[in-house]
Amino acid sequence: MKTSHIFYSIVVAVALLTSCAKTPKLPEDKRVALFDGKSLDGWTVLKCEATVDNGEILITAGNGLIQTREKYGNFILEFEWKALRDDRWDSGVYFRYDTVSENQPWPERYQVNLRQGMEGNVGSLEEARSEGLIKVGQWNTFKLTVQGTKVSLEMNGKAAWNADGLGDPQEGFIALQAEVPGGGQHRFRNIYLTELD
């Protein structure tokens, strides 16, 4: 009885050691928070007003952008947003742009729209269209994947669209759009970015 118990213990120990030796190292997690929930560090506020309220970015006034200080090329951007207006809300998230004309509040492209009835659409890409995937008056979760000329979007955990046709620039800023006079206030939270090769 003792011999079989010792033999069993040895077999278990060898199995554990073997499994540990074969376990590959996990790759370093590249997902980083663009917003720390406490401040607008890492962002530049342009032609609008925004504040941190209850761990969220609250866009309070103006037509402009809350823009990252860094530029990004290929990435996965995850964020949650909520419109505070009951009707005719309008905002957006811009990506891969490098300049804004001096007499304009926003860049020419690319924008993931957050306008009522057009949520998630990218105007310049015909394939980038969807409907019926948002939760009105609630938090919505978007996951935008940008790689090369291709871009795709998930809305609230569901595939919304896949499109091709991104042009220059190949890297640029990411920004939250302030369009308060026409589209009301918006809140953003849980903003994460994973850079891709």
Protein backbone atom coordinates (compact mmCIF):
# COMPACT_ATOMS: atom_id res chain seq x y z
CA MET A 1 0.00 0.00 0.00
CA LYS A 2 2.82 2.38 0.92
CA THR A 3 4.73 1.52 -2.27
CA SER A 4 1.76 2.30 -4.51
CA HIS A 5 1.18 5.58 -2.63
CA ILE A 6 4.82 6.62 -3.12
CA PHE A 7 4.68 5.61 -6.80
CA TYR A 8 1.48 7.65 -7.29
CA SER A 9 3.07 10.68 -5.60
CA ILE A 10 6.10 10.46 -7.89
CA VAL A 11 3.91 10.23 -11.01
CA VAL A 12 1.90 13.29 -9.95
CA ALA A 13 5.06 15.29 -9.17
CA VAL A 14 6.64 14.41 -12.53
CA ALA A 15 3.43 15.33 -14.35
CA LEU A 16 3.28 18.70 -12.61
CA LEU A 17 6.93 19.48 -13.35
CA THR A 18 6.51 18.47 -17.01
CA SER A 19 3.38 20.59 -17.47
CA CYS A 20 5.10 23.61 -15.88
CA ALA A 21 8.11 23.19 -18.14
CA LYS A 22 5.91 23.13 -21.26
CA THR A 23 3.80 26.18 -20.32
CA PRO A 24 4.79 28.95 -22.76
CA LYS A 25 5.39 32.45 -21.51
CA LEU A 26 2.44 34.69 -22.14
CA PRO A 27 3.19 37.62 -24.45
CA GLU A 28 3.44 41.01 -22.78
CA ASP A 29 0.04 42.66 -22.59
CA LYS A 30 0.01 45.64 -24.95
CA ARG A 31 -3.43 46.89 -23.88
CA VAL A 32 -3.08 50.24 -22.14
CA ALA A 33 -5.54 52.71 -20.67
CA LEU A 34 -5.70 55.97 -22.63
CA PHE A 35 -7.79 57.48 -19.85
CA ASP A 36 -6.89 56.93 -16.19
CA GLY A 37 -10.32 57.90 -14.83
CA LYS A 38 -8.80 60.73 -12.79
CA SER A 39 -7.37 63.34 -15.17
CA LEU A 40 -6.98 64.29 -18.83
CA ASP A 41 -3.26 63.47 -18.77
CA GLY A 42 -2.25 62.29 -22.23
CA TRP A 43 -5.00 64.33 -23.91
CA THR A 44 -5.20 67.82 -25.41
CA VAL A 45 -8.49 69.74 -25.28
CA LEU A 46 -9.03 71.77 -28.46
CA LYS A 47 -11.80 74.35 -29.03
CA CYS A 48 -14.13 72.83 -26.41
CA GLU A 49 -14.53 72.14 -22.71
CA ALA A 50 -14.28 68.80 -20.96
CA THR A 51 -13.82 67.58 -17.43
CA VAL A 52 -13.38 64.36 -15.49
CA ASP A 53 -16.56 63.55 -13.59
CA ASN A 54 -17.20 60.36 -11.63
CA GLY A 55 -14.32 58.59 -13.40
CA GLU A 56 -15.62 59.57 -16.84
CA ILE A 57 -14.77 62.17 -19.47
CA LEU A 58 -17.70 64.58 -19.64
CA ILE A 59 -17.77 66.88 -22.66
CA THR A 60 -19.44 70.01 -21.35
CA ALA A 61 -19.31 72.70 -24.07
CA GLY A 62 -18.11 73.74 -27.51
CA ASN A 63 -17.26 72.30 -30.90
CA GLY A 64 -13.85 70.70 -30.86
CA LEU A 65 -11.82 67.68 -29.82
CA ILE A 66 -10.34 65.89 -26.85
CA GLN A 67 -7.28 64.58 -28.68
CA THR A 68 -4.56 62.10 -27.74
CA ARG A 69 -1.08 63.57 -27.52
CA GLU A 70 0.37 60.54 -29.30
CA LYS A 71 -0.30 59.28 -32.83
CA TYR A 72 -1.24 55.68 -33.57
CA GLY A 73 -1.23 53.56 -36.72
CA ASN A 74 -2.52 50.01 -36.29
CA PHE A 75 -4.51 49.41 -33.14
CA ILE A 76 -7.58 48.14 -31.32
CA LEU A 77 -9.48 50.94 -29.60
CA GLU A 78 -12.07 50.01 -26.97
CA PHE A 79 -14.31 52.59 -25.34
CA GLU A 80 -17.72 53.14 -23.79
CA TRP A 81 -19.88 56.14 -24.55
CA LYS A 82 -23.25 57.51 -23.52
CA ALA A 83 -25.29 60.39 -24.95
CA LEU A 84 -26.96 62.57 -22.33
CA ARG A 85 -29.59 63.97 -24.67
CA ASP A 86 -32.86 62.07 -25.24
CA ASP A 87 -33.00 62.95 -28.93
CA ARG A 88 -30.78 64.26 -31.76
CA TRP A 89 -27.52 63.41 -29.98
CA ASP A 90 -24.32 63.78 -31.98
CA SER A 91 -20.66 63.15 -31.31
CA GLY A 92 -17.97 60.89 -32.72
CA VAL A 93 -14.54 59.38 -32.35
CA TYR A 94 -11.88 60.38 -34.88
CA PHE A 95 -8.83 58.32 -35.77
CA ARG A 96 -5.82 58.41 -38.09
CA TYR A 97 -5.78 62.13 -38.80
CA ASP A 98 -2.80 64.41 -38.36
CA THR A 99 -4.15 67.94 -38.74
CA VAL A 100 -7.26 70.02 -38.24
CA SER A 101 -7.77 73.06 -40.47
CA GLU A 102 -7.47 76.29 -38.52
CA ASN A 103 -10.99 77.42 -39.43
CA GLN A 104 -12.61 74.02 -38.72
CA PRO A 105 -13.46 72.38 -35.38
CA TRP A 106 -12.82 68.81 -36.59
CA PRO A 107 -10.64 66.91 -39.06
CA GLU A 108 -11.96 65.80 -42.45
CA ARG A 109 -11.67 62.06 -41.64
CA TYR A 110 -11.87 59.37 -40.25
CA GLN A 111 -14.81 59.46 -37.84
CA VAL A 112 -16.74 56.68 -36.13
CA ASN A 113 -20.04 58.51 -35.90
CA LEU A 114 -22.04 58.72 -32.67
CA ARG A 115 -24.89 60.66 -34.23
CA GLN A 116 -28.42 59.40 -33.64
CA GLY A 117 -29.30 56.91 -36.38
CA MET A 118 -25.71 56.75 -37.67
CA GLU A 119 -23.96 55.26 -34.64
CA GLY A 120 -20.82 53.39 -35.65
CA ASN A 121 -20.83 54.47 -39.29
CA VAL A 122 -17.71 55.85 -40.96
CA GLY A 123 -18.94 58.30 -43.59
CA SER A 124 -16.19 57.89 -46.16
CA LEU A 125 -16.34 54.05 -46.17
CA GLU A 126 -19.43 52.60 -47.85
CA GLU A 127 -19.08 49.21 -46.12
CA ALA A 128 -18.91 50.80 -42.68
CA ARG A 129 -22.65 50.84 -41.97
CA SER A 130 -24.86 49.19 -39.37
CA GLU A 131 -28.05 49.80 -37.46
CA GLY A 132 -29.96 48.49 -34.48
CA LEU A 133 -26.94 47.64 -32.32
CA ILE A 134 -26.93 50.49 -29.82
CA LYS A 135 -28.72 50.85 -26.50
CA VAL A 136 -30.50 54.20 -26.38
CA GLY A 137 -29.92 56.16 -23.20
CA GLN A 138 -27.43 53.62 -21.90
CA TRP A 139 -23.71 52.95 -22.05
CA ASN A 140 -22.54 51.49 -25.36
CA THR A 141 -19.30 49.56 -25.85
CA PHE A 142 -17.39 49.94 -29.11
CA LYS A 143 -14.30 48.01 -30.25
CA LEU A 144 -12.58 49.49 -33.31
CA THR A 145 -9.80 47.56 -35.04
CA VAL A 146 -7.59 49.47 -37.49
CA GLN A 147 -4.88 47.67 -39.44
CA GLY A 148 -3.37 48.79 -42.72
CA THR A 149 -6.19 49.79 -45.04
CA LYS A 150 -8.75 47.71 -43.14
CA VAL A 151 -11.03 48.66 -40.27
CA SER A 152 -13.78 46.83 -38.38
CA LEU A 153 -16.15 47.60 -35.55
CA GLU A 154 -17.89 45.64 -32.81
CA MET A 155 -20.80 47.32 -31.05
CA ASN A 156 -21.95 45.98 -27.70
CA GLY A 157 -20.20 42.68 -28.34
CA LYS A 158 -21.64 42.12 -31.83
CA ALA A 159 -19.83 42.43 -35.16
CA ALA A 160 -21.12 45.57 -36.87
CA TRP A 161 -19.06 45.77 -40.07
CA ASN A 162 -15.73 45.17 -41.82
CA ALA A 163 -14.44 47.65 -44.36
CA ASP A 164 -11.40 48.33 -46.51
CA GLY A 165 -10.19 51.59 -47.98
CA LEU A 166 -8.30 53.59 -45.35
CA GLY A 167 -5.82 55.93 -46.99
CA ASP A 168 -3.19 58.30 -45.70
CA PRO A 169 -2.08 59.17 -43.16
CA GLN A 170 -1.01 55.75 -41.96
CA GLU A 171 -0.94 56.99 -38.38
CA GLY A 172 -2.61 59.82 -36.56
CA PHE A 173 -4.36 61.08 -33.49
CA ILE A 174 -7.44 59.63 -31.81
CA ALA A 175 -10.02 62.11 -30.55
CA LEU A 176 -13.41 62.37 -28.91
CA GLN A 177 -15.63 64.86 -30.71
CA ALA A 178 -17.31 67.70 -28.87
CA GLU A 179 -20.41 68.88 -30.71
CA VAL A 180 -22.35 70.17 -27.75
CA PRO A 181 -24.34 73.06 -29.35
CA GLY A 182 -25.79 70.75 -32.00
CA GLY A 183 -25.54 67.29 -30.45
CA GLY A 184 -25.54 67.63 -26.68
CA GLN A 185 -23.18 66.42 -24.00
CA HIS A 186 -21.58 62.98 -24.01
CA ARG A 187 -19.72 60.82 -21.51
CA PHE A 188 -16.82 58.46 -22.26
CA ARG A 189 -15.11 55.88 -20.06
CA ASN A 190 -12.97 52.71 -20.11
CA ILE A 191 -10.86 53.86 -23.05
CA TYR A 192 -8.19 51.28 -23.90
CA LEU A 193 -5.78 50.92 -26.78
CA THR A 194 -3.81 47.91 -27.99
CA GLU A 195 -1.16 48.70 -30.60
CA LEU A 196 -0.85 46.14 -33.40
CA ASP A 197 2.17 45.30 -35.56
